[in-house]
PDB file of N, CA and C in Angstrom:
ATOM      1  N   MET A   1      18.064   5.381 -35.097  1.00  0.00           N
ATOM      2  CA  MET A   1      16.987   4.407 -34.976  1.00  0.00           C
ATOM      3  C   MET A   1      16.982   3.498 -36.195  1.00  0.00           C
ATOM      4  N   ALA A   2      16.577   2.290 -35.961  1.00  0.00           N
ATOM      5  CA  ALA A   2      16.488   1.334 -37.053  1.00  0.00           C
ATOM      6  C   ALA A   2      15.264   0.447 -36.842  1.00  0.00           C
ATOM      7  N   ILE A   3      14.728  -0.012 -37.937  1.00  0.00           N
ATOM      8  CA  ILE A   3      13.621  -0.961 -37.902  1.00  0.00           C
ATOM      9  C   ILE A   3      14.186  -2.330 -38.235  1.00  0.00           C
ATOM     10  N   HIS A   4      13.941  -3.300 -37.378  1.00  0.00           N
ATOM     11  CA  HIS A   4      14.406  -4.662 -37.604  1.00  0.00           C
ATOM     12  C   HIS A   4      13.213  -5.570 -37.878  1.00  0.00           C
ATOM     13  N   VAL A   5      13.407  -6.495 -38.777  1.00  0.00           N
ATOM     14  CA  VAL A   5      12.381  -7.481 -39.104  1.00  0.00           C
ATOM     15  C   VAL A   5      12.660  -8.726 -38.272  1.00  0.00           C
ATOM     16  N   LYS A   6      11.672  -9.142 -37.517  1.00  0.00           N
ATOM     17  CA  LYS A   6      11.819 -10.298 -36.629  1.00  0.00           C
ATOM     18  C   LYS A   6      11.258 -11.568 -37.269  1.00  0.00           C
ATOM     19  N   LEU A   7      11.429 -11.688 -38.564  1.00  0.00           N
ATOM     20  CA  LEU A   7      10.870 -12.816 -39.300  1.00  0.00           C
ATOM     21  C   LEU A   7      11.440 -14.145 -38.823  1.00  0.00           C
ATOM     22  N   ASP A   8      12.733 -14.187 -38.540  1.00  0.00           N
ATOM     23  CA  ASP A   8      13.337 -15.442 -38.102  1.00  0.00           C
ATOM     24  C   ASP A   8      12.726 -15.948 -36.797  1.00  0.00           C
ATOM     25  N   ALA A   9      12.461 -15.048 -35.869  1.00  0.00           N
ATOM     26  CA  ALA A   9      11.865 -15.448 -34.587  1.00  0.00           C
ATOM     27  C   ALA A   9      10.434 -15.954 -34.779  1.00  0.00           C
ATOM     28  N   VAL A  10       9.665 -15.282 -35.623  1.00  0.00           N
ATOM     29  CA  VAL A  10       8.279 -15.690 -35.860  1.00  0.00           C
ATOM     30  C   VAL A  10       8.247 -17.037 -36.578  1.00  0.00           C
ATOM     31  N   LEU A  11       9.140 -17.238 -37.534  1.00  0.00           N
ATOM     32  CA  LEU A  11       9.203 -18.523 -38.223  1.00  0.00           C
ATOM     33  C   LEU A  11       9.542 -19.648 -37.249  1.00  0.00           C
ATOM     34  N   LEU A  12      10.481 -19.393 -36.367  1.00  0.00           N
ATOM     35  CA  LEU A  12      10.867 -20.395 -35.376  1.00  0.00           C
ATOM     36  C   LEU A  12       9.695 -20.743 -34.458  1.00  0.00           C
ATOM     37  N   GLU A  13       8.960 -19.710 -34.018  1.00  0.00           N
ATOM     38  CA  GLU A  13       7.789 -19.939 -33.158  1.00  0.00           C
ATOM     39  C   GLU A  13       6.732 -20.779 -33.862  1.00  0.00           C
ATOM     40  N   ARG A  14       6.575 -20.543 -35.174  1.00  0.00           N
ATOM     41  CA  ARG A  14       5.524 -21.223 -35.936  1.00  0.00           C
ATOM     42  C   ARG A  14       5.982 -22.574 -36.492  1.00  0.00           C
ATOM     43  N   GLY A  15       7.288 -22.838 -36.448  1.00  0.00           N
ATOM     44  CA  GLY A  15       7.807 -24.088 -36.996  1.00  0.00           C
ATOM     45  C   GLY A  15       7.731 -24.149 -38.508  1.00  0.00           C
ATOM     46  N   ILE A  16       7.929 -23.006 -39.153  1.00  0.00           N
ATOM     47  CA  ILE A  16       7.851 -22.910 -40.611  1.00  0.00           C
ATOM     48  C   ILE A  16       9.227 -22.515 -41.140  1.00  0.00           C
ATOM     49  N   THR A  17       9.638 -23.129 -42.229  1.00  0.00           N
ATOM     50  CA  THR A  17      10.914 -22.747 -42.832  1.00  0.00           C
ATOM     51  C   THR A  17      10.709 -21.569 -43.778  1.00  0.00           C
ATOM     52  N   LEU A  18      11.793 -20.893 -44.080  1.00  0.00           N
ATOM     53  CA  LEU A  18      11.738 -19.765 -45.005  1.00  0.00           C
ATOM     54  C   LEU A  18      11.298 -20.229 -46.389  1.00  0.00           C
ATOM     55  N   THR A  19      11.761 -21.393 -46.787  1.00  0.00           N
ATOM     56  CA  THR A  19      11.384 -21.956 -48.088  1.00  0.00           C
ATOM     57  C   THR A  19       9.888 -22.233 -48.147  1.00  0.00           C
ATOM     58  N   GLU A  20       9.353 -22.815 -47.089  1.00  0.00           N
ATOM     59  CA  GLU A  20       7.917 -23.106 -47.039  1.00  0.00           C
ATOM     60  C   GLU A  20       7.101 -21.818 -47.090  1.00  0.00           C
ATOM     61  N   LEU A  21       7.532 -20.811 -46.347  1.00  0.00           N
ATOM     62  CA  LEU A  21       6.823 -19.530 -46.356  1.00  0.00           C
ATOM     63  C   LEU A  21       6.863 -18.901 -47.736  1.00  0.00           C
ATOM     64  N   ALA A  22       8.006 -18.946 -48.394  1.00  0.00           N
ATOM     65  CA  ALA A  22       8.138 -18.373 -49.737  1.00  0.00           C
ATOM     66  C   ALA A  22       7.145 -19.018 -50.696  1.00  0.00           C
ATOM     67  N   GLU A  23       7.027 -20.332 -50.615  1.00  0.00           N
ATOM     68  CA  GLU A  23       6.077 -21.046 -51.484  1.00  0.00           C
ATOM     69  C   GLU A  23       4.641 -20.665 -51.168  1.00  0.00           C
ATOM     70  N   ARG A  24       4.324 -20.539 -49.891  1.00  0.00           N
ATOM     71  CA  ARG A  24       2.942 -20.234 -49.481  1.00  0.00           C
ATOM     72  C   ARG A  24       2.488 -18.852 -49.919  1.00  0.00           C
ATOM     73  N   ILE A  25       3.395 -17.866 -49.886  1.00  0.00           N
ATOM     74  CA  ILE A  25       2.963 -16.495 -50.204  1.00  0.00           C
ATOM     75  C   ILE A  25       3.381 -16.039 -51.601  1.00  0.00           C
ATOM     76  N   GLY A  26       4.117 -16.886 -52.314  1.00  0.00           N
ATOM     77  CA  GLY A  26       4.459 -16.558 -53.691  1.00  0.00           C
ATOM     78  C   GLY A  26       5.584 -15.544 -53.843  1.00  0.00           C
ATOM     79  N   LEU A  27       6.492 -15.504 -52.895  1.00  0.00           N
ATOM     80  CA  LEU A  27       7.672 -14.644 -53.016  1.00  0.00           C
ATOM     81  C   LEU A  27       8.899 -15.512 -53.206  1.00  0.00           C
ATOM     82  N   THR A  28       9.940 -14.914 -53.765  1.00  0.00           N
ATOM     83  CA  THR A  28      11.164 -15.681 -53.942  1.00  0.00           C
ATOM     84  C   THR A  28      11.869 -15.850 -52.605  1.00  0.00           C
ATOM     85  N   LEU A  29      12.610 -16.920 -52.496  1.00  0.00           N
ATOM     86  CA  LEU A  29      13.395 -17.178 -51.301  1.00  0.00           C
ATOM     87  C   LEU A  29      14.407 -16.055 -51.088  1.00  0.00           C
ATOM     88  N   ALA A  30      14.954 -15.541 -52.167  1.00  0.00           N
ATOM     89  CA  ALA A  30      15.935 -14.452 -52.075  1.00  0.00           C
ATOM     90  C   ALA A  30      15.316 -13.206 -51.444  1.00  0.00           C
ATOM     91  N   ASN A  31      14.108 -12.853 -51.854  1.00  0.00           N
ATOM     92  CA  ASN A  31      13.454 -11.665 -51.296  1.00  0.00           C
ATOM     93  C   ASN A  31      13.149 -11.837 -49.811  1.00  0.00           C
ATOM     94  N   LEU A  32      12.689 -13.012 -49.432  1.00  0.00           N
ATOM     95  CA  LEU A  32      12.417 -13.257 -48.016  1.00  0.00           C
ATOM     96  C   LEU A  32      13.706 -13.289 -47.208  1.00  0.00           C
ATOM     97  N   SER A  33      14.758 -13.780 -47.796  1.00  0.00           N
ATOM     98  CA  SER A  33      16.045 -13.824 -47.116  1.00  0.00           C
ATOM     99  C   SER A  33      16.551 -12.414 -46.817  1.00  0.00           C
ATOM    100  N   VAL A  34      16.336 -11.499 -47.731  1.00  0.00           N
ATOM    101  CA  VAL A  34      16.719 -10.101 -47.511  1.00  0.00           C
ATOM    102  C   VAL A  34      15.962  -9.533 -46.315  1.00  0.00           C
ATOM    103  N   LEU A  35      14.691  -9.856 -46.196  1.00  0.00           N
ATOM    104  CA  LEU A  35      13.912  -9.404 -45.044  1.00  0.00           C
ATOM    105  C   LEU A  35      14.419 -10.049 -43.757  1.00  0.00           C
ATOM    106  N   LYS A  36      14.634 -11.348 -43.813  1.00  0.00           N
ATOM    107  CA  LYS A  36      15.035 -12.095 -42.627  1.00  0.00           C
ATOM    108  C   LYS A  36      16.378 -11.629 -42.069  1.00  0.00           C
ATOM    109  N   THR A  37      17.283 -11.239 -42.944  1.00  0.00           N
ATOM    110  CA  THR A  37      18.618 -10.811 -42.514  1.00  0.00           C
ATOM    111  C   THR A  37      18.706  -9.307 -42.259  1.00  0.00           C
ATOM    112  N   ASN A  38      17.565  -8.631 -42.301  1.00  0.00           N
ATOM    113  CA  ASN A  38      17.489  -7.183 -42.036  1.00  0.00           C
ATOM    114  C   ASN A  38      18.305  -6.360 -43.012  1.00  0.00           C
ATOM    115  N   LYS A  39      18.353  -6.785 -44.257  1.00  0.00           N
ATOM    116  CA  LYS A  39      19.051  -6.029 -45.292  1.00  0.00           C
ATOM    117  C   LYS A  39      18.087  -5.270 -46.188  1.00  0.00           C
ATOM    118  N   ALA A  40      16.803  -5.409 -45.934  1.00  0.00           N
ATOM    119  CA  ALA A  40      15.790  -4.727 -46.737  1.00  0.00           C
ATOM    120  C   ALA A  40      15.776  -3.240 -46.417  1.00  0.00           C
ATOM    121  N   ARG A  41      15.600  -2.439 -47.441  1.00  0.00           N
ATOM    122  CA  ARG A  41      15.493  -0.998 -47.260  1.00  0.00           C
ATOM    123  C   ARG A  41      14.032  -0.564 -47.201  1.00  0.00           C
ATOM    124  N   ALA A  42      13.145  -1.436 -47.652  1.00  0.00           N
ATOM    125  CA  ALA A  42      11.715  -1.122 -47.665  1.00  0.00           C
ATOM    126  C   ALA A  42      10.936  -2.433 -47.719  1.00  0.00           C
ATOM    127  N   VAL A  43       9.671  -2.360 -47.316  1.00  0.00           N
ATOM    128  CA  VAL A  43       8.779  -3.520 -47.386  1.00  0.00           C
ATOM    129  C   VAL A  43       7.456  -3.040 -47.965  1.00  0.00           C
ATOM    130  N   ARG A  44       6.995  -3.706 -48.995  1.00  0.00           N
ATOM    131  CA  ARG A  44       5.695  -3.351 -49.572  1.00  0.00           C
ATOM    132  C   ARG A  44       4.586  -3.776 -48.604  1.00  0.00           C
ATOM    133  N   PHE A  45       3.536  -2.982 -48.557  1.00  0.00           N
ATOM    134  CA  PHE A  45       2.400  -3.339 -47.710  1.00  0.00           C
ATOM    135  C   PHE A  45       1.803  -4.675 -48.149  1.00  0.00           C
ATOM    136  N   SER A  46       1.804  -4.945 -49.439  1.00  0.00           N
ATOM    137  CA  SER A  46       1.246  -6.215 -49.914  1.00  0.00           C
ATOM    138  C   SER A  46       2.075  -7.392 -49.406  1.00  0.00           C
ATOM    139  N   THR A  47       3.388  -7.221 -49.320  1.00  0.00           N
ATOM    140  CA  THR A  47       4.255  -8.266 -48.771  1.00  0.00           C
ATOM    141  C   THR A  47       4.006  -8.435 -47.284  1.00  0.00           C
ATOM    142  N   LEU A  48       3.923  -7.316 -46.581  1.00  0.00           N
ATOM    143  CA  LEU A  48       3.659  -7.358 -45.149  1.00  0.00           C
ATOM    144  C   LEU A  48       2.312  -8.010 -44.868  1.00  0.00           C
ATOM    145  N   ASP A  49       1.316  -7.692 -45.680  1.00  0.00           N
ATOM    146  CA  ASP A  49      -0.007  -8.291 -45.526  1.00  0.00           C
ATOM    147  C   ASP A  49       0.046  -9.806 -45.759  1.00  0.00           C
ATOM    148  N   ALA A  50       0.763 -10.236 -46.787  1.00  0.00           N
ATOM    149  CA  ALA A  50       0.875 -11.667 -47.076  1.00  0.00           C
ATOM    150  C   ALA A  50       1.592 -12.395 -45.941  1.00  0.00           C
ATOM    151  N   LEU A  51       2.642 -11.796 -45.420  1.00  0.00           N
ATOM    152  CA  LEU A  51       3.359 -12.402 -44.295  1.00  0.00           C
ATOM    153  C   LEU A  51       2.445 -12.547 -43.081  1.00  0.00           C
ATOM    154  N   CYS A  52       1.740 -11.474 -42.753  1.00  0.00           N
ATOM    155  CA  CYS A  52       0.849 -11.497 -41.589  1.00  0.00           C
ATOM    156  C   CYS A  52      -0.290 -12.494 -41.773  1.00  0.00           C
ATOM    157  N   ARG A  53      -0.823 -12.555 -42.975  1.00  0.00           N
ATOM    158  CA  ARG A  53      -1.913 -13.494 -43.251  1.00  0.00           C
ATOM    159  C   ARG A  53      -1.431 -14.930 -43.077  1.00  0.00           C
ATOM    160  N   GLU A  54      -0.290 -15.257 -43.648  1.00  0.00           N
ATOM    161  CA  GLU A  54       0.202 -16.631 -43.600  1.00  0.00           C
ATOM    162  C   GLU A  54       0.729 -17.021 -42.228  1.00  0.00           C
ATOM    163  N   LEU A  55       1.318 -16.068 -41.513  1.00  0.00           N
ATOM    164  CA  LEU A  55       1.881 -16.359 -40.198  1.00  0.00           C
ATOM    165  C   LEU A  55       0.896 -16.089 -39.062  1.00  0.00           C
ATOM    166  N   ASN A  56      -0.302 -15.628 -39.430  1.00  0.00           N
ATOM    167  CA  ASN A  56      -1.343 -15.337 -38.451  1.00  0.00           C
ATOM    168  C   ASN A  56      -0.818 -14.407 -37.352  1.00  0.00           C
ATOM    169  N   CYS A  57      -0.329 -13.244 -37.800  1.00  0.00           N
ATOM    170  CA  CYS A  57       0.234 -12.287 -36.852  1.00  0.00           C
ATOM    171  C   CYS A  57      -0.107 -10.862 -37.286  1.00  0.00           C
ATOM    172  N   GLN A  58       0.319  -9.909 -36.507  1.00  0.00           N
ATOM    173  CA  GLN A  58       0.145  -8.504 -36.796  1.00  0.00           C
ATOM    174  C   GLN A  58       1.486  -7.918 -37.254  1.00  0.00           C
ATOM    175  N   PRO A  59       1.479  -6.794 -37.980  1.00  0.00           N
ATOM    176  CA  PRO A  59       2.742  -6.188 -38.413  1.00  0.00           C
ATOM    177  C   PRO A  59       3.714  -5.940 -37.259  1.00  0.00           C
ATOM    178  N   GLY A  60       3.201  -5.583 -36.103  1.00  0.00           N
ATOM    179  CA  GLY A  60       4.046  -5.336 -34.947  1.00  0.00           C
ATOM    180  C   GLY A  60       4.759  -6.584 -34.435  1.00  0.00           C
ATOM    181  N   ASP A  61       4.242  -7.757 -34.814  1.00  0.00           N
ATOM    182  CA  ASP A  61       4.913  -9.002 -34.455  1.00  0.00           C
ATOM    183  C   ASP A  61       6.156  -9.228 -35.316  1.00  0.00           C
ATOM    184  N   LEU A  62       6.193  -8.588 -36.478  1.00  0.00           N
ATOM    185  CA  LEU A  62       7.298  -8.764 -37.415  1.00  0.00           C
ATOM    186  C   LEU A  62       8.302  -7.628 -37.408  1.00  0.00           C
ATOM    187  N   LEU A  63       7.862  -6.444 -36.995  1.00  0.00           N
ATOM    188  CA  LEU A  63       8.712  -5.263 -37.058  1.00  0.00           C
ATOM    189  C   LEU A  63       9.009  -4.735 -35.667  1.00  0.00           C
ATOM    190  N   GLU A  64      10.232  -4.273 -35.486  1.00  0.00           N
ATOM    191  CA  GLU A  64      10.663  -3.760 -34.188  1.00  0.00           C
ATOM    192  C   GLU A  64      11.554  -2.538 -34.400  1.00  0.00           C
ATOM    193  N   ARG A  65      11.290  -1.489 -33.669  1.00  0.00           N
ATOM    194  CA  ARG A  65      12.133  -0.294 -33.704  1.00  0.00           C
ATOM    195  C   ARG A  65      13.232  -0.440 -32.665  1.00  0.00           C
ATOM    196  N   VAL A  66      14.469  -0.310 -33.125  1.00  0.00           N
ATOM    197  CA  VAL A  66      15.612  -0.479 -32.243  1.00  0.00           C
ATOM    198  C   VAL A  66      16.413   0.824 -32.245  1.00  0.00           C
ATOM    199  N   PRO A  67      16.608   1.429 -31.061  1.00  0.00           N
ATOM    200  CA  PRO A  67      17.401   2.666 -31.010  1.00  0.00           C
ATOM    201  C   PRO A  67      18.849   2.390 -31.414  1.00  0.00           C
ATOM    202  N   ASP A  68      19.495   3.396 -31.965  1.00  0.00           N
ATOM    203  CA  ASP A  68      20.905   3.269 -32.344  1.00  0.00           C
ATOM    204  C   ASP A  68      21.791   3.090 -31.136  1.00  0.00           C
TER     205      ASP A  68
END
């Protein structure tokens, strides 16, 4: 099983670039890129909260469990 971050799909739906999101929530573009490309090994709740607040979504909109 794996958890995938669907950040790219949510950004596309909202019409927001990764750079714009990084500026809005105060994270580096590099850190958001790691999330977007599913290379992250962990996500802080504070980061998840900031993403959900700015993208007006729930954690389940960003995270997906994918069977192996």
